[in-house]
Amino acid sequence: MPDIDLHLSVLKELQKFLVQFSEDMKERSEEFNRKVGQLREVGVAVQIAEYFEANFGTLYLRLFQNLIANITDVFLPEISANIAKLEQPLLFRDTAGNIVARKIGDRIWDNSGNWLYEIRGNRIYDSSSNWIFELRGDRVYDTAGNWRYELRGDRIYDSAGNWLGMKY
């Protein structure tokens, strides 16, 4: 469970960064374009200003536009799709493949729609806000520090090594 939350957090942070970066790049490219267009006005010789516009101004402006377009049209939609996939309910199945619970956001619900548990950081609380489990890496411990469950790949085992179910 925590690996999905970590992936989701990292993707959302990357998404936020890329949105801000593309907005900053758009402003900077417009500023660059204005400065190149003002070369003659600030006293640069016409021949040098035209050379710079033709050989650098247009090229750099196109590079900026391509970078912004790749971020907004390729990277951000891909990140959004991955975020949406990770935010879908996580299903818990028993060894027969039957769905026994769903994780939606920070809460785990049974098949009848009853809220069973809430995950806050590395701790799991019941619906009465009583702390009942703690996640330490791939293992789940009770409040007395006893190892109760282990997550191996998409499977859940008890501390004796018995396969209890799977998550996916």
N, C-alpha and C. Protein backbone atom coordinates (compact mmCIF):
# COMPACT_ATOMS: atom_id res chain seq x y z
N MET A 1 0.80 -1.21 0.00
CA MET A 1 0.00 0.00 0.00
C MET A 1 0.84 1.27 0.00
N PRO A 2 1.83 1.38 0.87
CA PRO A 2 2.55 2.64 0.92
C PRO A 2 3.28 2.97 -0.37
N ASP A 3 3.71 1.96 -1.14
CA ASP A 3 4.42 2.23 -2.38
C ASP A 3 3.51 2.95 -3.37
N ILE A 4 2.24 2.63 -3.41
CA ILE A 4 1.30 3.31 -4.30
C ILE A 4 1.12 4.76 -3.85
N ASP A 5 0.99 4.97 -2.55
CA ASP A 5 0.85 6.33 -2.04
C ASP A 5 2.08 7.16 -2.35
N LEU A 6 3.26 6.56 -2.24
CA LEU A 6 4.50 7.26 -2.54
C LEU A 6 4.56 7.61 -4.03
N HIS A 7 4.23 6.65 -4.89
CA HIS A 7 4.24 6.90 -6.33
C HIS A 7 3.27 8.03 -6.67
N LEU A 8 2.10 7.99 -6.09
CA LEU A 8 1.08 9.01 -6.34
C LEU A 8 1.58 10.39 -5.90
N SER A 9 2.18 10.45 -4.74
CA SER A 9 2.70 11.71 -4.22
C SER A 9 3.79 12.27 -5.13
N VAL A 10 4.70 11.40 -5.56
CA VAL A 10 5.80 11.84 -6.43
C VAL A 10 5.26 12.32 -7.77
N LEU A 11 4.31 11.60 -8.33
CA LEU A 11 3.73 12.01 -9.62
C LEU A 11 3.00 13.34 -9.52
N LYS A 12 2.27 13.55 -8.43
CA LYS A 12 1.57 14.82 -8.26
C LYS A 12 2.56 15.97 -8.09
N GLU A 13 3.65 15.73 -7.39
CA GLU A 13 4.68 16.75 -7.22
C GLU A 13 5.35 17.07 -8.56
N LEU A 14 5.63 16.04 -9.35
CA LEU A 14 6.21 16.23 -10.68
C LEU A 14 5.25 17.00 -11.58
N GLN A 15 3.97 16.65 -11.52
CA GLN A 15 2.96 17.34 -12.30
C GLN A 15 2.92 18.83 -11.94
N LYS A 16 2.90 19.12 -10.67
CA LYS A 16 2.88 20.50 -10.20
C LYS A 16 4.12 21.26 -10.68
N PHE A 17 5.29 20.62 -10.58
CA PHE A 17 6.53 21.24 -11.03
C PHE A 17 6.48 21.54 -12.52
N LEU A 18 6.04 20.56 -13.33
CA LEU A 18 6.01 20.76 -14.79
C LEU A 18 5.02 21.83 -15.21
N VAL A 19 3.89 21.93 -14.54
CA VAL A 19 2.93 22.99 -14.85
C VAL A 19 3.58 24.35 -14.60
N GLN A 20 4.21 24.51 -13.44
CA GLN A 20 4.87 25.77 -13.11
C GLN A 20 6.04 26.05 -14.06
N PHE A 21 6.81 25.02 -14.37
CA PHE A 21 7.95 25.18 -15.27
C PHE A 21 7.50 25.62 -16.66
N SER A 22 6.44 25.01 -17.18
CA SER A 22 5.97 25.38 -18.53
C SER A 22 5.41 26.80 -18.53
N GLU A 23 4.75 27.21 -17.45
CA GLU A 23 4.26 28.59 -17.36
C GLU A 23 5.44 29.56 -17.31
N ASP A 24 6.45 29.23 -16.53
CA ASP A 24 7.65 30.08 -16.45
C ASP A 24 8.35 30.16 -17.81
N MET A 25 8.47 29.02 -18.49
CA MET A 25 9.12 29.00 -19.81
C MET A 25 8.34 29.82 -20.82
N LYS A 26 7.03 29.78 -20.75
CA LYS A 26 6.21 30.56 -21.67
C LYS A 26 6.47 32.06 -21.45
N GLU A 27 6.49 32.48 -20.19
CA GLU A 27 6.77 33.88 -19.87
C GLU A 27 8.17 34.27 -20.33
N ARG A 28 9.14 33.41 -20.08
CA ARG A 28 10.53 33.70 -20.47
C ARG A 28 10.69 33.75 -21.98
N SER A 29 10.01 32.86 -22.70
CA SER A 29 10.12 32.88 -24.16
C SER A 29 9.49 34.14 -24.73
N GLU A 30 8.38 34.60 -24.15
CA GLU A 30 7.78 35.86 -24.60
C GLU A 30 8.70 37.03 -24.30
N GLU A 31 9.34 37.01 -23.14
CA GLU A 31 10.30 38.05 -22.78
C GLU A 31 11.49 38.04 -23.74
N PHE A 32 12.00 36.86 -24.04
CA PHE A 32 13.11 36.72 -24.99
C PHE A 32 12.72 37.28 -26.35
N ASN A 33 11.54 36.94 -26.81
CA ASN A 33 11.06 37.41 -28.11
C ASN A 33 10.96 38.93 -28.14
N ARG A 34 10.46 39.52 -27.05
CA ARG A 34 10.38 40.99 -26.97
C ARG A 34 11.77 41.61 -27.01
N LYS A 35 12.70 41.05 -26.27
CA LYS A 35 14.06 41.60 -26.22
C LYS A 35 14.75 41.51 -27.59
N VAL A 36 14.56 40.40 -28.28
CA VAL A 36 15.13 40.26 -29.62
C VAL A 36 14.51 41.29 -30.55
N GLY A 37 13.19 41.49 -30.42
CA GLY A 37 12.50 42.47 -31.26
C GLY A 37 12.90 43.91 -30.97
N GLN A 38 13.47 44.15 -29.81
CA GLN A 38 13.86 45.52 -29.41
C GLN A 38 15.33 45.82 -29.69
N LEU A 39 16.04 44.91 -30.30
CA LEU A 39 17.47 45.13 -30.52
C LEU A 39 17.75 46.43 -31.28
N ARG A 40 17.00 46.66 -32.33
CA ARG A 40 17.20 47.89 -33.13
C ARG A 40 16.88 49.13 -32.31
N GLU A 41 15.81 49.04 -31.53
CA GLU A 41 15.36 50.19 -30.73
C GLU A 41 16.39 50.61 -29.69
N VAL A 42 17.20 49.67 -29.19
CA VAL A 42 18.17 50.01 -28.16
C VAL A 42 19.54 50.37 -28.74
N GLY A 43 19.63 50.45 -30.07
CA GLY A 43 20.85 50.95 -30.69
C GLY A 43 21.74 49.91 -31.35
N VAL A 44 21.33 48.66 -31.40
CA VAL A 44 22.12 47.65 -32.10
C VAL A 44 21.99 47.90 -33.60
N ALA A 45 23.11 47.81 -34.29
CA ALA A 45 23.10 48.05 -35.75
C ALA A 45 22.08 47.14 -36.43
N VAL A 46 21.42 47.67 -37.45
CA VAL A 46 20.36 46.95 -38.16
C VAL A 46 20.85 45.61 -38.67
N GLN A 47 22.04 45.60 -39.26
CA GLN A 47 22.59 44.38 -39.83
C GLN A 47 22.80 43.32 -38.74
N ILE A 48 23.32 43.71 -37.59
CA ILE A 48 23.55 42.77 -36.49
C ILE A 48 22.22 42.30 -35.90
N ALA A 49 21.27 43.22 -35.73
CA ALA A 49 19.95 42.86 -35.19
C ALA A 49 19.24 41.86 -36.09
N GLU A 50 19.29 42.09 -37.41
CA GLU A 50 18.65 41.18 -38.37
C GLU A 50 19.32 39.81 -38.35
N TYR A 51 20.66 39.82 -38.28
CA TYR A 51 21.40 38.56 -38.21
C TYR A 51 21.02 37.78 -36.96
N PHE A 52 20.96 38.46 -35.82
CA PHE A 52 20.62 37.80 -34.57
C PHE A 52 19.19 37.26 -34.61
N GLU A 53 18.25 38.06 -35.11
CA GLU A 53 16.85 37.61 -35.23
C GLU A 53 16.75 36.37 -36.11
N ALA A 54 17.42 36.42 -37.27
CA ALA A 54 17.32 35.32 -38.24
C ALA A 54 18.01 34.04 -37.76
N ASN A 55 19.17 34.19 -37.12
CA ASN A 55 19.97 33.02 -36.76
C ASN A 55 19.74 32.50 -35.35
N PHE A 56 19.30 33.34 -34.43
CA PHE A 56 19.14 32.91 -33.04
C PHE A 56 17.72 33.12 -32.52
N GLY A 57 17.17 34.27 -32.77
CA GLY A 57 15.86 34.60 -32.23
C GLY A 57 14.79 33.61 -32.61
N THR A 58 14.64 33.34 -33.88
CA THR A 58 13.62 32.41 -34.38
C THR A 58 13.89 30.99 -33.90
N LEU A 59 15.17 30.59 -33.95
CA LEU A 59 15.55 29.24 -33.52
C LEU A 59 15.23 29.02 -32.05
N TYR A 60 15.65 29.93 -31.18
CA TYR A 60 15.41 29.77 -29.75
C TYR A 60 13.93 29.84 -29.40
N LEU A 61 13.22 30.72 -30.07
CA LEU A 61 11.78 30.81 -29.83
C LEU A 61 11.10 29.49 -30.18
N ARG A 62 11.50 28.89 -31.30
CA ARG A 62 10.94 27.60 -31.71
C ARG A 62 11.31 26.51 -30.70
N LEU A 63 12.55 26.53 -30.19
CA LEU A 63 12.96 25.55 -29.19
C LEU A 63 12.13 25.69 -27.91
N PHE A 64 11.93 26.92 -27.46
CA PHE A 64 11.10 27.16 -26.29
C PHE A 64 9.68 26.64 -26.52
N GLN A 65 9.11 26.95 -27.68
CA GLN A 65 7.74 26.53 -27.99
C GLN A 65 7.63 25.01 -28.05
N ASN A 66 8.64 24.34 -28.62
CA ASN A 66 8.62 22.87 -28.68
C ASN A 66 8.71 22.26 -27.28
N LEU A 67 9.55 22.84 -26.44
CA LEU A 67 9.68 22.34 -25.07
C LEU A 67 8.35 22.48 -24.32
N ILE A 68 7.75 23.64 -24.42
CA ILE A 68 6.46 23.88 -23.75
C ILE A 68 5.39 22.94 -24.29
N ALA A 69 5.37 22.76 -25.60
CA ALA A 69 4.37 21.87 -26.22
C ALA A 69 4.58 20.43 -25.76
N ASN A 70 5.82 19.97 -25.68
CA ASN A 70 6.08 18.61 -25.21
C ASN A 70 5.63 18.42 -23.76
N ILE A 71 5.88 19.42 -22.95
CA ILE A 71 5.44 19.33 -21.54
C ILE A 71 3.92 19.27 -21.46
N THR A 72 3.25 20.21 -22.14
CA THR A 72 1.78 20.30 -22.01
C THR A 72 1.03 19.23 -22.80
N ASP A 73 1.58 18.81 -23.94
CA ASP A 73 0.86 17.88 -24.80
C ASP A 73 1.27 16.42 -24.63
N VAL A 74 2.45 16.17 -24.07
CA VAL A 74 2.93 14.79 -23.93
C VAL A 74 3.12 14.41 -22.47
N PHE A 75 4.01 15.12 -21.78
CA PHE A 75 4.37 14.72 -20.41
C PHE A 75 3.21 14.87 -19.43
N LEU A 76 2.54 16.02 -19.43
CA LEU A 76 1.45 16.24 -18.46
C LEU A 76 0.28 15.27 -18.67
N PRO A 77 -0.17 15.03 -19.91
CA PRO A 77 -1.25 14.04 -20.08
C PRO A 77 -0.83 12.63 -19.62
N GLU A 78 0.43 12.27 -19.87
CA GLU A 78 0.91 10.95 -19.44
C GLU A 78 0.92 10.86 -17.91
N ILE A 79 1.41 11.90 -17.26
CA ILE A 79 1.42 11.92 -15.80
C ILE A 79 -0.01 11.90 -15.25
N SER A 80 -0.90 12.68 -15.85
CA SER A 80 -2.30 12.70 -15.41
C SER A 80 -2.95 11.33 -15.55
N ALA A 81 -2.65 10.63 -16.63
CA ALA A 81 -3.20 9.29 -16.84
C ALA A 81 -2.69 8.32 -15.77
N ASN A 82 -1.41 8.43 -15.44
CA ASN A 82 -0.85 7.56 -14.40
C ASN A 82 -1.42 7.89 -13.03
N ILE A 83 -1.63 9.18 -12.75
CA ILE A 83 -2.25 9.58 -11.48
C ILE A 83 -3.66 9.01 -11.39
N ALA A 84 -4.43 9.15 -12.47
CA ALA A 84 -5.81 8.64 -12.48
C ALA A 84 -5.82 7.13 -12.25
N LYS A 85 -4.86 6.42 -12.85
CA LYS A 85 -4.78 4.97 -12.69
C LYS A 85 -4.48 4.61 -11.23
N LEU A 86 -3.56 5.37 -10.60
CA LEU A 86 -3.21 5.08 -9.21
C LEU A 86 -4.31 5.48 -8.24
N GLU A 87 -5.15 6.44 -8.63
CA GLU A 87 -6.23 6.87 -7.74
C GLU A 87 -7.47 6.00 -7.84
N GLN A 88 -7.47 5.06 -8.79
CA GLN A 88 -8.59 4.13 -8.87
C GLN A 88 -8.59 3.26 -7.62
N PRO A 89 -9.75 2.77 -7.25
CA PRO A 89 -9.79 1.93 -6.05
C PRO A 89 -8.85 0.73 -6.16
N LEU A 90 -8.10 0.50 -5.09
CA LEU A 90 -7.24 -0.67 -5.00
C LEU A 90 -8.08 -1.80 -4.43
N LEU A 91 -8.11 -2.93 -5.12
CA LEU A 91 -8.95 -4.06 -4.69
C LEU A 91 -8.13 -5.08 -3.91
N PHE A 92 -8.71 -5.58 -2.83
CA PHE A 92 -8.10 -6.66 -2.05
C PHE A 92 -8.94 -7.90 -2.30
N ARG A 93 -8.26 -8.98 -2.68
CA ARG A 93 -8.96 -10.24 -2.99
C ARG A 93 -8.46 -11.34 -2.06
N ASP A 94 -9.35 -12.30 -1.78
CA ASP A 94 -8.93 -13.45 -0.99
C ASP A 94 -8.21 -14.44 -1.90
N THR A 95 -7.78 -15.57 -1.37
CA THR A 95 -7.01 -16.53 -2.17
C THR A 95 -7.83 -17.15 -3.29
N ALA A 96 -9.14 -17.05 -3.21
CA ALA A 96 -10.00 -17.56 -4.29
C ALA A 96 -10.25 -16.49 -5.35
N GLY A 97 -9.74 -15.28 -5.14
CA GLY A 97 -9.92 -14.21 -6.11
C GLY A 97 -11.13 -13.34 -5.87
N ASN A 98 -11.87 -13.58 -4.80
CA ASN A 98 -13.05 -12.77 -4.49
C ASN A 98 -12.62 -11.43 -3.89
N ILE A 99 -13.28 -10.36 -4.32
CA ILE A 99 -12.99 -9.04 -3.76
C ILE A 99 -13.52 -8.99 -2.34
N VAL A 100 -12.65 -8.67 -1.37
CA VAL A 100 -13.07 -8.61 0.03
C VAL A 100 -13.02 -7.19 0.58
N ALA A 101 -12.27 -6.29 -0.07
CA ALA A 101 -12.19 -4.90 0.40
C ALA A 101 -11.66 -4.03 -0.73
N ARG A 102 -11.87 -2.72 -0.56
CA ARG A 102 -11.39 -1.73 -1.53
C ARG A 102 -10.69 -0.61 -0.78
N LYS A 103 -9.58 -0.14 -1.34
CA LYS A 103 -8.91 1.03 -0.79
C LYS A 103 -9.19 2.18 -1.73
N ILE A 104 -9.85 3.19 -1.21
CA ILE A 104 -10.17 4.38 -1.98
C ILE A 104 -9.61 5.56 -1.20
N GLY A 105 -8.62 6.23 -1.79
CA GLY A 105 -7.96 7.30 -1.06
C GLY A 105 -7.21 6.71 0.12
N ASP A 106 -7.45 7.24 1.31
CA ASP A 106 -6.78 6.77 2.52
C ASP A 106 -7.62 5.78 3.32
N ARG A 107 -8.77 5.38 2.78
CA ARG A 107 -9.67 4.50 3.54
C ARG A 107 -9.85 3.15 2.87
N ILE A 108 -10.06 2.14 3.71
CA ILE A 108 -10.34 0.79 3.23
C ILE A 108 -11.78 0.47 3.60
N TRP A 109 -12.54 0.00 2.61
CA TRP A 109 -13.98 -0.27 2.74
C TRP A 109 -14.25 -1.73 2.47
N ASP A 110 -15.25 -2.31 3.13
CA ASP A 110 -15.64 -3.68 2.81
C ASP A 110 -16.61 -3.65 1.63
N ASN A 111 -17.07 -4.83 1.21
CA ASN A 111 -17.95 -4.92 0.04
C ASN A 111 -19.33 -4.31 0.25
N SER A 112 -19.73 -4.14 1.51
CA SER A 112 -21.03 -3.55 1.80
C SER A 112 -20.96 -2.04 1.89
N GLY A 113 -19.78 -1.48 1.67
CA GLY A 113 -19.62 -0.04 1.74
C GLY A 113 -19.32 0.48 3.14
N ASN A 114 -18.98 -0.42 4.05
CA ASN A 114 -18.65 0.00 5.42
C ASN A 114 -17.17 0.38 5.49
N TRP A 115 -16.92 1.52 6.10
CA TRP A 115 -15.55 1.98 6.27
C TRP A 115 -14.90 1.17 7.37
N LEU A 116 -13.81 0.47 7.05
CA LEU A 116 -13.13 -0.39 8.00
C LEU A 116 -11.90 0.29 8.62
N TYR A 117 -11.04 0.83 7.76
CA TYR A 117 -9.76 1.36 8.22
C TYR A 117 -9.42 2.66 7.50
N GLU A 118 -8.55 3.43 8.13
CA GLU A 118 -8.02 4.65 7.52
C GLU A 118 -6.50 4.63 7.67
N ILE A 119 -5.81 4.97 6.61
CA ILE A 119 -4.35 5.00 6.64
C ILE A 119 -3.91 6.45 6.79
N ARG A 120 -3.16 6.72 7.85
CA ARG A 120 -2.60 8.05 8.09
C ARG A 120 -1.10 7.89 8.24
N GLY A 121 -0.37 8.30 7.22
CA GLY A 121 1.08 8.11 7.24
C GLY A 121 1.39 6.63 7.23
N ASN A 122 2.13 6.16 8.23
CA ASN A 122 2.46 4.74 8.28
C ASN A 122 1.60 3.98 9.30
N ARG A 123 0.54 4.62 9.78
CA ARG A 123 -0.35 3.97 10.76
C ARG A 123 -1.73 3.72 10.16
N ILE A 124 -2.35 2.65 10.65
CA ILE A 124 -3.70 2.28 10.20
C ILE A 124 -4.62 2.37 11.42
N TYR A 125 -5.73 3.07 11.24
CA TYR A 125 -6.71 3.27 12.31
C TYR A 125 -8.02 2.61 11.92
N ASP A 126 -8.79 2.15 12.92
CA ASP A 126 -10.11 1.62 12.63
C ASP A 126 -11.09 2.78 12.48
N SER A 127 -12.34 2.47 12.20
CA SER A 127 -13.34 3.53 11.95
C SER A 127 -13.66 4.35 13.19
N SER A 128 -13.21 3.91 14.35
CA SER A 128 -13.40 4.68 15.59
C SER A 128 -12.15 5.50 15.93
N SER A 129 -11.22 5.58 14.99
CA SER A 129 -9.95 6.30 15.14
C SER A 129 -9.01 5.68 16.16
N ASN A 130 -9.15 4.38 16.39
CA ASN A 130 -8.22 3.67 17.24
C ASN A 130 -7.06 3.16 16.39
N TRP A 131 -5.84 3.44 16.82
CA TRP A 131 -4.66 2.96 16.11
C TRP A 131 -4.57 1.46 16.29
N ILE A 132 -4.52 0.72 15.17
CA ILE A 132 -4.49 -0.74 15.28
C ILE A 132 -3.28 -1.38 14.61
N PHE A 133 -2.74 -0.76 13.56
CA PHE A 133 -1.59 -1.33 12.86
C PHE A 133 -0.60 -0.24 12.48
N GLU A 134 0.63 -0.67 12.23
CA GLU A 134 1.66 0.24 11.75
C GLU A 134 2.39 -0.42 10.58
N LEU A 135 2.62 0.35 9.53
CA LEU A 135 3.34 -0.15 8.37
C LEU A 135 4.82 0.17 8.54
N ARG A 136 5.65 -0.85 8.44
CA ARG A 136 7.11 -0.67 8.49
C ARG A 136 7.68 -1.41 7.29
N GLY A 137 7.97 -0.66 6.27
CA GLY A 137 8.43 -1.29 5.02
C GLY A 137 7.31 -2.13 4.45
N ASP A 138 7.57 -3.41 4.23
CA ASP A 138 6.57 -4.32 3.67
C ASP A 138 5.85 -5.14 4.75
N ARG A 139 6.07 -4.80 6.02
CA ARG A 139 5.43 -5.54 7.09
C ARG A 139 4.43 -4.68 7.85
N VAL A 140 3.41 -5.35 8.39
CA VAL A 140 2.38 -4.69 9.18
C VAL A 140 2.48 -5.23 10.61
N TYR A 141 2.57 -4.30 11.57
CA TYR A 141 2.70 -4.65 12.98
C TYR A 141 1.47 -4.15 13.73
N ASP A 142 1.10 -4.87 14.80
CA ASP A 142 0.02 -4.37 15.65
C ASP A 142 0.59 -3.35 16.63
N THR A 143 -0.25 -2.75 17.46
CA THR A 143 0.19 -1.68 18.35
C THR A 143 1.14 -2.17 19.44
N ALA A 144 1.18 -3.47 19.68
CA ALA A 144 2.12 -4.02 20.65
C ALA A 144 3.48 -4.33 20.02
N GLY A 145 3.60 -4.07 18.73
CA GLY A 145 4.87 -4.32 18.04
C GLY A 145 5.01 -5.72 17.48
N ASN A 146 3.92 -6.50 17.47
CA ASN A 146 3.95 -7.86 16.92
C ASN A 146 3.75 -7.82 15.42
N TRP A 147 4.62 -8.53 14.70
CA TRP A 147 4.51 -8.63 13.26
C TRP A 147 3.29 -9.46 12.91
N ARG A 148 2.37 -8.89 12.11
CA ARG A 148 1.11 -9.59 11.80
C ARG A 148 1.02 -10.00 10.33
N TYR A 149 1.41 -9.10 9.40
CA TYR A 149 1.24 -9.37 7.97
C TYR A 149 2.46 -8.89 7.20
N GLU A 150 2.61 -9.45 6.00
CA GLU A 150 3.70 -9.03 5.12
C GLU A 150 3.15 -8.87 3.71
N LEU A 151 3.60 -7.81 3.05
CA LEU A 151 3.21 -7.56 1.67
C LEU A 151 4.37 -7.98 0.78
N ARG A 152 4.14 -8.99 -0.08
CA ARG A 152 5.16 -9.45 -1.02
C ARG A 152 4.59 -9.32 -2.41
N GLY A 153 5.11 -8.32 -3.13
CA GLY A 153 4.56 -8.06 -4.46
C GLY A 153 3.11 -7.66 -4.31
N ASP A 154 2.21 -8.39 -4.96
CA ASP A 154 0.78 -8.07 -4.85
C ASP A 154 0.05 -9.01 -3.89
N ARG A 155 0.80 -9.81 -3.13
CA ARG A 155 0.18 -10.77 -2.21
C ARG A 155 0.37 -10.36 -0.76
N ILE A 156 -0.58 -10.77 0.07
CA ILE A 156 -0.55 -10.49 1.50
C ILE A 156 -0.45 -11.81 2.24
N TYR A 157 0.55 -11.91 3.15
CA TYR A 157 0.79 -13.13 3.92
C TYR A 157 0.69 -12.81 5.41
N ASP A 158 0.32 -13.82 6.20
CA ASP A 158 0.39 -13.62 7.65
C ASP A 158 1.81 -13.90 8.11
N SER A 159 2.11 -13.71 9.38
CA SER A 159 3.48 -13.85 9.88
C SER A 159 3.97 -15.31 9.83
N ALA A 160 3.08 -16.27 9.66
CA ALA A 160 3.47 -17.67 9.54
C ALA A 160 3.76 -18.05 8.08
N GLY A 161 3.58 -17.10 7.17
CA GLY A 161 3.85 -17.36 5.75
C GLY A 161 2.66 -17.85 4.96
N ASN A 162 1.45 -17.84 5.56
CA ASN A 162 0.25 -18.28 4.86
C ASN A 162 -0.27 -17.15 3.98
N TRP A 163 -0.54 -17.51 2.73
CA TRP A 163 -1.06 -16.54 1.79
C TRP A 163 -2.51 -16.24 2.14
N LEU A 164 -2.81 -14.96 2.41
CA LEU A 164 -4.17 -14.56 2.80
C LEU A 164 -4.97 -13.99 1.64
N GLY A 165 -4.29 -13.31 0.77
CA GLY A 165 -5.00 -12.68 -0.33
C GLY A 165 -4.05 -11.85 -1.16
N MET A 166 -4.62 -11.00 -2.02
CA MET A 166 -3.80 -10.18 -2.90
C MET A 166 -4.42 -8.82 -3.08
N LYS A 167 -3.59 -7.88 -3.49
CA LYS A 167 -4.06 -6.53 -3.77
C LYS A 167 -3.78 -6.22 -5.23
N TYR A 168 -4.73 -5.70 -5.92
CA TYR A 168 -4.54 -5.18 -7.29
C TYR A 168 -5.80 -4.52 -7.77
